[in-house]
Amino acid sequence: KLRKGRVSLPGVHYFITICTKDRQHGLTTPRVADACFEQLRSLHGDRDIVFRCATAMPDHFHLLMILGERLSLSQVVAKLKAKTRKHLHDQGIEWQENFFDHRLRLEAAPQAFARYIFLNPDRKALLSPDKTWPWWVKHREYKPDFLALISSAGTPPKEWLGDSPGASELIQGD
């Protein structure tokens, strides 16, 4: 069912969620998260994607990107999974067979999805409000507007945590 309606359009923003099999935890171990981020940098360097931002959660991974010309969306995710499989295996976990994707249609959508990716660990109460999530990264050239509103310590305004939309709300609004 996840493949139904999937379209690969070069030059278009995509919001991707990749889960571990049986939602096993382990993606936020330094070795696994670093391997995932390193592969995103490699995909960006190869121009398979334009990397925007991502976060590793204990049992899933969110990614905001623009699809490049060379590979399909499925090929990009397959490459990411293949290049990180060994690191997951070392932690006793593996990727779920497929992935979730949403092609962003509205011009303002990338900003909203980037903010969602940034806030996801806070929304899931994985850290205290005065801490920053170490497994959120963005490309150095990507500067979403919401970053101007976070504290100097890198934490979001408290009011964002109570009223920020979930992924399904963002997808419905796009």
C-alpha atoms as a PDB file:
ATOM      1  CA  LYS A   1       0.000   0.000   0.000  1.00  0.00           C
ATOM      2  CA  LEU A   2       2.884   2.395   0.677  1.00  0.00           C
ATOM      3  CA  ARG A   3       3.933   2.252  -2.992  1.00  0.00           C
ATOM      4  CA  LYS A   4       0.464   3.113  -4.323  1.00  0.00           C
ATOM      5  CA  GLY A   5       0.482   6.573  -5.850  1.00  0.00           C
ATOM      6  CA  ARG A   6       4.233   7.068  -5.352  1.00  0.00           C
ATOM      7  CA  VAL A   7       5.655   9.462  -7.922  1.00  0.00           C
ATOM      8  CA  SER A   8       9.308  10.389  -8.403  1.00  0.00           C
ATOM      9  CA  LEU A   9       9.612  13.939  -9.657  1.00  0.00           C
ATOM     10  CA  PRO A  10      13.096  15.461  -9.876  1.00  0.00           C
ATOM     11  CA  GLY A  11      13.382  18.921  -8.369  1.00  0.00           C
ATOM     12  CA  VAL A  12      10.467  18.392  -5.966  1.00  0.00           C
ATOM     13  CA  HIS A  13      10.535  18.440  -2.146  1.00  0.00           C
ATOM     14  CA  TYR A  14       9.746  15.179  -0.347  1.00  0.00           C
ATOM     15  CA  PHE A  15       9.079  14.399   3.299  1.00  0.00           C
ATOM     16  CA  ILE A  16      10.261  10.848   4.003  1.00  0.00           C
ATOM     17  CA  THR A  17       9.802   8.641   7.059  1.00  0.00           C
ATOM     18  CA  ILE A  18      11.738   5.401   7.327  1.00  0.00           C
ATOM     19  CA  CYS A  19      10.997   3.087  10.257  1.00  0.00           C
ATOM     20  CA  THR A  20      12.875   0.219  11.786  1.00  0.00           C
ATOM     21  CA  LYS A  21      11.366  -3.234  11.535  1.00  0.00           C
ATOM     22  CA  ASP A  22       8.913  -3.813  14.383  1.00  0.00           C
ATOM     23  CA  ARG A  23       9.736  -0.241  15.534  1.00  0.00           C
ATOM     24  CA  GLN A  24      12.862  -1.461  17.308  1.00  0.00           C
ATOM     25  CA  HIS A  25      14.912   1.253  18.999  1.00  0.00           C
ATOM     26  CA  GLY A  26      18.530   1.947  18.102  1.00  0.00           C
ATOM     27  CA  LEU A  27      18.670   4.655  15.434  1.00  0.00           C
ATOM     28  CA  THR A  28      19.848   7.231  17.965  1.00  0.00           C
ATOM     29  CA  THR A  29      23.004   5.392  18.900  1.00  0.00           C
ATOM     30  CA  PRO A  30      25.869   7.611  17.724  1.00  0.00           C
ATOM     31  CA  ARG A  31      27.257   5.085  15.244  1.00  0.00           C
ATOM     32  CA  VAL A  32      23.910   4.460  13.543  1.00  0.00           C
ATOM     33  CA  ALA A  33      22.750   8.085  13.456  1.00  0.00           C
ATOM     34  CA  ASP A  34      26.137   9.278  12.211  1.00  0.00           C
ATOM     35  CA  ALA A  35      26.099   6.627   9.455  1.00  0.00           C
ATOM     36  CA  CYS A  36      22.653   7.790   8.320  1.00  0.00           C
ATOM     37  CA  PHE A  37      23.700  11.433   8.262  1.00  0.00           C
ATOM     38  CA  GLU A  38      26.949  10.605   6.474  1.00  0.00           C
ATOM     39  CA  GLN A  39      24.979   8.762   3.795  1.00  0.00           C
ATOM     40  CA  LEU A  40      22.676  11.777   3.372  1.00  0.00           C
ATOM     41  CA  ARG A  41      25.753  13.940   2.821  1.00  0.00           C
ATOM     42  CA  SER A  42      26.978  11.406   0.246  1.00  0.00           C
ATOM     43  CA  LEU A  43      23.615  11.374  -1.563  1.00  0.00           C
ATOM     44  CA  HIS A  44      23.750  15.186  -1.587  1.00  0.00           C
ATOM     45  CA  GLY A  45      27.344  15.201  -2.835  1.00  0.00           C
ATOM     46  CA  ASP A  46      26.424  12.773  -5.625  1.00  0.00           C
ATOM     47  CA  ARG A  47      23.501  15.092  -6.508  1.00  0.00           C
ATOM     48  CA  ASP A  48      20.994  12.282  -5.969  1.00  0.00           C
ATOM     49  CA  ILE A  49      19.216  14.613  -3.539  1.00  0.00           C
ATOM     50  CA  VAL A  50      19.411  18.146  -2.244  1.00  0.00           C
ATOM     51  CA  PHE A  51      19.538  17.498   1.480  1.00  0.00           C
ATOM     52  CA  ARG A  52      17.539  19.915   3.625  1.00  0.00           C
ATOM     53  CA  CYS A  53      17.197  18.430   7.128  1.00  0.00           C
ATOM     54  CA  ALA A  54      16.646  15.177   8.998  1.00  0.00           C
ATOM     55  CA  THR A  55      16.221  13.792  12.464  1.00  0.00           C
ATOM     56  CA  ALA A  56      16.919  10.348  13.834  1.00  0.00           C
ATOM     57  CA  MET A  57      14.346   9.177  16.346  1.00  0.00           C
ATOM     58  CA  PRO A  58      14.806   5.950  18.325  1.00  0.00           C
ATOM     59  CA  ASP A  59      12.722   3.875  15.886  1.00  0.00           C
ATOM     60  CA  HIS A  60      12.276   6.047  12.790  1.00  0.00           C
ATOM     61  CA  PHE A  61      14.007   8.622  10.657  1.00  0.00           C
ATOM     62  CA  HIS A  62      12.541  11.789   9.094  1.00  0.00           C
ATOM     63  CA  LEU A  63      14.057  13.437   6.043  1.00  0.00           C
ATOM     64  CA  LEU A  64      13.250  16.563   4.044  1.00  0.00           C
ATOM     65  CA  MET A  65      14.926  16.626   0.638  1.00  0.00           C
ATOM     66  CA  ILE A  66      14.620  17.582  -3.003  1.00  0.00           C
ATOM     67  CA  LEU A  67      14.880  14.654  -5.397  1.00  0.00           C
ATOM     68  CA  GLY A  68      17.725  14.824  -7.900  1.00  0.00           C
ATOM     69  CA  GLU A  69      17.666  13.839 -11.578  1.00  0.00           C
ATOM     70  CA  ARG A  70      19.565  10.544 -11.520  1.00  0.00           C
ATOM     71  CA  LEU A  71      17.682   8.221  -9.139  1.00  0.00           C
ATOM     72  CA  SER A  72      14.030   7.598  -8.372  1.00  0.00           C
ATOM     73  CA  LEU A  73      12.685   8.212  -4.891  1.00  0.00           C
ATOM     74  CA  SER A  74      12.679   4.469  -4.179  1.00  0.00           C
ATOM     75  CA  GLN A  75      16.267   4.151  -5.400  1.00  0.00           C
ATOM     76  CA  VAL A  76      17.412   6.988  -3.123  1.00  0.00           C
ATOM     77  CA  VAL A  77      15.827   5.357  -0.065  1.00  0.00           C
ATOM     78  CA  ALA A  78      17.138   1.931  -1.085  1.00  0.00           C
ATOM     79  CA  LYS A  79      20.652   3.364  -1.360  1.00  0.00           C
ATOM     80  CA  LEU A  80      20.365   5.022   2.062  1.00  0.00           C
ATOM     81  CA  LYS A  81      19.150   1.767   3.611  1.00  0.00           C
ATOM     82  CA  ALA A  82      21.792  -0.366   1.883  1.00  0.00           C
ATOM     83  CA  LYS A  83      24.657   1.912   2.934  1.00  0.00           C
ATOM     84  CA  THR A  84      23.486   1.976   6.582  1.00  0.00           C
ATOM     85  CA  ARG A  85      22.286  -1.634   6.930  1.00  0.00           C
ATOM     86  CA  LYS A  86      25.509  -2.883   8.547  1.00  0.00           C
ATOM     87  CA  HIS A  87      25.409  -0.179  11.211  1.00  0.00           C
ATOM     88  CA  LEU A  88      21.810  -1.069  12.084  1.00  0.00           C
ATOM     89  CA  HIS A  89      22.644  -4.763  12.088  1.00  0.00           C
ATOM     90  CA  ASP A  90      25.436  -4.110  14.601  1.00  0.00           C
ATOM     91  CA  GLN A  91      22.740  -2.711  16.925  1.00  0.00           C
ATOM     92  CA  GLY A  92      20.462  -5.707  16.351  1.00  0.00           C
ATOM     93  CA  ILE A  93      17.924  -3.777  14.282  1.00  0.00           C
ATOM     94  CA  GLU A  94      16.981  -3.507  10.631  1.00  0.00           C
ATOM     95  CA  TRP A  95      15.006  -1.217   8.390  1.00  0.00           C
ATOM     96  CA  GLN A  96      11.319  -1.781   7.717  1.00  0.00           C
ATOM     97  CA  GLU A  97      10.765  -3.112   4.185  1.00  0.00           C
ATOM     98  CA  ASN A  98       9.254   0.085   2.769  1.00  0.00           C
ATOM     99  CA  PHE A  99       8.982   3.784   3.672  1.00  0.00           C
ATOM    100  CA  PHE A 100       6.450   6.603   3.882  1.00  0.00           C
ATOM    101  CA  ASP A 101       6.703   9.546   1.531  1.00  0.00           C
ATOM    102  CA  HIS A 102       4.842  12.737   0.859  1.00  0.00           C
ATOM    103  CA  ARG A 103       5.498  14.943  -2.151  1.00  0.00           C
ATOM    104  CA  LEU A 104       5.218  18.558  -1.035  1.00  0.00           C
ATOM    105  CA  ARG A 105       2.929  20.594  -3.241  1.00  0.00           C
ATOM    106  CA  LEU A 106       2.573  24.016  -1.606  1.00  0.00           C
ATOM    107  CA  GLU A 107       5.370  26.559  -1.762  1.00  0.00           C
ATOM    108  CA  ALA A 108       5.374  27.102   2.023  1.00  0.00           C
ATOM    109  CA  ALA A 109       5.245  23.380   2.872  1.00  0.00           C
ATOM    110  CA  PRO A 110       9.027  22.784   3.201  1.00  0.00           C
ATOM    111  CA  GLN A 111       9.187  25.304   6.075  1.00  0.00           C
ATOM    112  CA  ALA A 112       6.361  23.584   7.961  1.00  0.00           C
ATOM    113  CA  PHE A 113       7.817  20.116   7.449  1.00  0.00           C
ATOM    114  CA  ALA A 114      11.309  21.260   8.484  1.00  0.00           C
ATOM    115  CA  ARG A 115       9.832  22.655  11.703  1.00  0.00           C
ATOM    116  CA  TYR A 116       7.948  19.388  12.280  1.00  0.00           C
ATOM    117  CA  ILE A 117      11.183  17.409  11.835  1.00  0.00           C
ATOM    118  CA  PHE A 118      12.975  19.745  14.260  1.00  0.00           C
ATOM    119  CA  LEU A 119      10.200  19.523  16.887  1.00  0.00           C
ATOM    120  CA  ASN A 120       9.556  15.787  16.640  1.00  0.00           C
ATOM    121  CA  PRO A 121      11.825  14.793  19.563  1.00  0.00           C
ATOM    122  CA  ASP A 122      10.276  17.531  21.741  1.00  0.00           C
ATOM    123  CA  ARG A 123       6.750  16.504  20.777  1.00  0.00           C
ATOM    124  CA  LYS A 124       7.561  12.913  21.740  1.00  0.00           C
ATOM    125  CA  ALA A 125       9.004  14.116  25.095  1.00  0.00           C
ATOM    126  CA  LEU A 126      12.377  12.513  24.412  1.00  0.00           C
ATOM    127  CA  LEU A 127      14.286  15.345  26.082  1.00  0.00           C
ATOM    128  CA  SER A 128      13.771  18.035  28.654  1.00  0.00           C
ATOM    129  CA  PRO A 129      12.673  21.478  27.372  1.00  0.00           C
ATOM    130  CA  ASP A 130      16.096  23.004  28.077  1.00  0.00           C
ATOM    131  CA  LYS A 131      17.996  20.431  25.975  1.00  0.00           C
ATOM    132  CA  THR A 132      18.607  20.170  22.249  1.00  0.00           C
ATOM    133  CA  TRP A 133      18.236  16.945  20.284  1.00  0.00           C
ATOM    134  CA  PRO A 134      21.661  15.797  19.062  1.00  0.00           C
ATOM    135  CA  TRP A 135      20.244  13.817  16.142  1.00  0.00           C
ATOM    136  CA  TRP A 136      18.680  16.677  14.171  1.00  0.00           C
ATOM    137  CA  VAL A 137      20.825  17.945  11.302  1.00  0.00           C
ATOM    138  CA  LYS A 138      20.395  20.334   8.424  1.00  0.00           C
ATOM    139  CA  HIS A 139      22.485  21.139   5.430  1.00  0.00           C
ATOM    140  CA  ARG A 140      24.709  24.115   6.160  1.00  0.00           C
ATOM    141  CA  GLU A 141      23.140  26.126   3.335  1.00  0.00           C
ATOM    142  CA  TYR A 142      19.546  25.396   4.345  1.00  0.00           C
ATOM    143  CA  LYS A 143      18.116  28.138   6.542  1.00  0.00           C
ATOM    144  CA  PRO A 144      14.447  27.573   7.379  1.00  0.00           C
ATOM    145  CA  ASP A 145      12.741  30.676   8.773  1.00  0.00           C
ATOM    146  CA  PHE A 146      11.762  29.089  12.094  1.00  0.00           C
ATOM    147  CA  LEU A 147      15.422  28.836  13.166  1.00  0.00           C
ATOM    148  CA  ALA A 148      15.429  32.607  13.762  1.00  0.00           C
ATOM    149  CA  LEU A 149      12.838  32.040  16.507  1.00  0.00           C
ATOM    150  CA  ILE A 150      14.606  29.369  18.544  1.00  0.00           C
ATOM    151  CA  SER A 151      16.623  30.277  21.633  1.00  0.00           C
ATOM    152  CA  SER A 152      20.366  30.840  21.591  1.00  0.00           C
ATOM    153  CA  ALA A 153      20.651  27.406  23.240  1.00  0.00           C
ATOM    154  CA  GLY A 154      18.856  25.872  20.241  1.00  0.00           C
ATOM    155  CA  THR A 155      15.564  25.122  21.985  1.00  0.00           C
ATOM    156  CA  PRO A 156      12.131  25.929  20.577  1.00  0.00           C
ATOM    157  CA  PRO A 157       9.686  28.382  22.155  1.00  0.00           C
ATOM    158  CA  LYS A 158       7.518  26.565  24.709  1.00  0.00           C
ATOM    159  CA  GLU A 159       4.306  27.539  22.925  1.00  0.00           C
ATOM    160  CA  TRP A 160       5.407  25.555  19.845  1.00  0.00           C
ATOM    161  CA  LEU A 161       5.245  22.327  21.786  1.00  0.00           C
ATOM    162  CA  GLY A 162       1.555  22.596  22.581  1.00  0.00           C
ATOM    163  CA  ASP A 163       0.243  23.769  19.245  1.00  0.00           C
ATOM    164  CA  SER A 164       2.533  22.376  16.574  1.00  0.00           C
ATOM    165  CA  PRO A 165       0.730  20.282  13.954  1.00  0.00           C
ATOM    166  CA  GLY A 166       1.476  16.591  13.530  1.00  0.00           C
ATOM    167  CA  ALA A 167       2.639  15.003  10.319  1.00  0.00           C
ATOM    168  CA  SER A 168      -0.844  13.895   9.282  1.00  0.00           C
ATOM    169  CA  GLU A 169      -2.154  17.452   9.751  1.00  0.00           C
ATOM    170  CA  LEU A 170       0.693  18.861   7.645  1.00  0.00           C
ATOM    171  CA  ILE A 171       0.090  16.311   4.904  1.00  0.00           C
ATOM    172  CA  GLN A 172      -3.646  17.043   4.897  1.00  0.00           C
ATOM    173  CA  GLY A 173      -2.934  20.780   4.636  1.00  0.00           C
ATOM    174  CA  ASP A 174      -0.528  20.404   1.746  1.00  0.00           C
END
